Amino acid sequence: MTIHLGRKAACRLSASRLHIKRRIGLPPQSRGSTCGAHCPDIFELRDGRFVVIGTERTAEIRKNYPGMRALATSEIVVVVDRNTLTCAKAFIPNS
């Protein structure tokens, strides 16, 4: 499976295509997301990195936590609900 992102988003992660190796955890539908309006997800890429789909909250975090470390121009803050991470926990490799 290959993710094709917009030019701007793709540049943030890599100059090359992102090749998904597998989903980490359960699909959003299995965790109660039935309407498609809120579908956080986690994927492992072939090169060992991870893709996290969540709600972008960079401005809010910067506003409320000014002492937080500076973000690179290519970084954003993504919020993922607890259920998504706890369901993925058993599927995350140790190495």
Protein backbone atom coordinates (compact mmCIF):
# COMPACT_ATOMS: atom_id res chain seq x y z
CA MET A 1 0.00 0.00 0.00
CA THR A 2 1.31 3.49 -0.83
CA ILE A 3 0.14 6.76 0.66
CA HIS A 4 0.06 9.66 -1.78
CA LEU A 5 -0.07 12.92 0.11
CA GLY A 6 -0.25 16.45 -1.22
CA ARG A 7 3.10 17.98 -2.16
CA LYS A 8 3.38 20.04 1.03
CA ALA A 9 2.53 17.16 3.36
CA ALA A 10 4.77 14.71 1.51
CA CYS A 11 7.74 17.06 1.82
CA ARG A 12 7.24 17.09 5.57
CA LEU A 13 7.80 13.37 5.90
CA SER A 14 10.10 12.40 3.06
CA ALA A 15 11.08 13.33 -0.44
CA SER A 16 10.20 9.78 -1.52
CA ARG A 17 6.90 7.92 -1.49
CA LEU A 18 5.67 6.57 1.81
CA HIS A 19 5.14 2.82 1.60
CA ILE A 20 2.90 1.37 4.29
CA LYS A 21 4.01 -1.97 5.63
CA ARG A 22 1.02 -2.51 7.93
CA ARG A 23 -1.62 -0.96 10.18
CA ILE A 24 -0.67 -0.90 13.84
CA GLY A 25 -3.63 -1.97 15.95
CA LEU A 26 -7.26 -2.25 14.98
CA PRO A 27 -9.00 -0.41 12.12
CA PRO A 28 -10.99 2.68 13.19
CA GLN A 29 -14.29 0.88 12.54
CA SER A 30 -13.33 -1.79 15.08
CA ARG A 31 -12.74 0.93 17.67
CA GLY A 32 -16.16 2.52 17.20
CA SER A 33 -15.59 5.01 14.38
CA THR A 34 -18.56 4.23 12.17
CA CYS A 35 -19.33 7.60 10.56
CA GLY A 36 -15.89 8.36 9.12
CA ALA A 37 -15.79 11.78 10.78
CA HIS A 38 -13.10 10.78 13.30
CA CYS A 39 -10.76 8.01 12.18
CA PRO A 40 -7.39 8.25 13.93
CA ASP A 41 -5.00 5.53 12.82
CA ILE A 42 -1.38 4.37 13.05
CA PHE A 43 0.65 2.71 10.30
CA GLU A 44 4.19 1.34 10.14
CA LEU A 45 6.18 2.26 7.04
CA ARG A 46 8.52 -0.12 5.25
CA ASP A 47 11.50 1.92 6.43
CA GLY A 48 10.52 1.51 10.11
CA ARG A 49 8.98 4.96 10.66
CA PHE A 50 5.35 5.44 11.68
CA VAL A 51 2.49 7.49 10.25
CA VAL A 52 -0.06 8.81 12.74
CA ILE A 53 -3.44 10.11 11.58
CA GLY A 54 -5.03 12.37 14.15
CA THR A 55 -6.34 15.86 14.75
CA GLU A 56 -3.87 18.67 14.00
CA ARG A 57 -3.53 20.91 17.08
CA THR A 58 -0.22 22.75 16.62
CA ALA A 59 -1.52 26.30 17.16
CA GLU A 60 -3.46 25.33 20.28
CA ILE A 61 -0.46 23.59 21.86
CA ARG A 62 1.86 26.51 21.05
CA LYS A 63 -0.65 28.97 22.55
CA ASN A 64 -1.25 27.00 25.76
CA TYR A 65 2.30 25.74 26.31
CA PRO A 66 4.73 28.47 25.24
CA GLY A 67 7.62 26.73 26.99
CA MET A 68 7.21 23.64 24.82
CA ARG A 69 10.24 22.92 22.67
CA ALA A 70 10.26 24.64 19.33
CA LEU A 71 8.84 22.70 16.43
CA ALA A 72 10.68 22.45 13.14
CA THR A 73 8.84 23.97 10.21
CA SER A 74 8.18 20.44 8.98
CA GLU A 75 6.59 19.31 12.27
CA ILE A 76 3.02 19.54 13.52
CA VAL A 77 1.32 18.39 16.72
CA VAL A 78 -1.21 15.60 16.17
CA VAL A 79 -3.61 14.46 18.87
CA VAL A 80 -4.69 10.82 18.89
CA ASP A 81 -7.27 9.52 21.33
CA ARG A 82 -6.26 7.11 24.08
CA ASN A 83 -8.28 4.22 22.62
CA THR A 84 -6.31 4.34 19.35
CA LEU A 85 -2.97 4.09 21.17
CA THR A 86 -4.03 1.46 23.68
CA CYS A 87 -5.44 -0.71 20.87
CA ALA A 88 -2.15 -0.32 18.97
CA LYS A 89 0.11 -1.02 21.96
CA ALA A 90 0.21 -4.82 21.54
CA PHE A 91 1.07 -4.45 17.82
CA ILE A 92 4.03 -2.05 18.20
CA PRO A 93 7.32 -3.89 17.74
CA ASN A 94 10.04 -3.57 20.41
CA SER A 95 12.76 -3.18 17.81
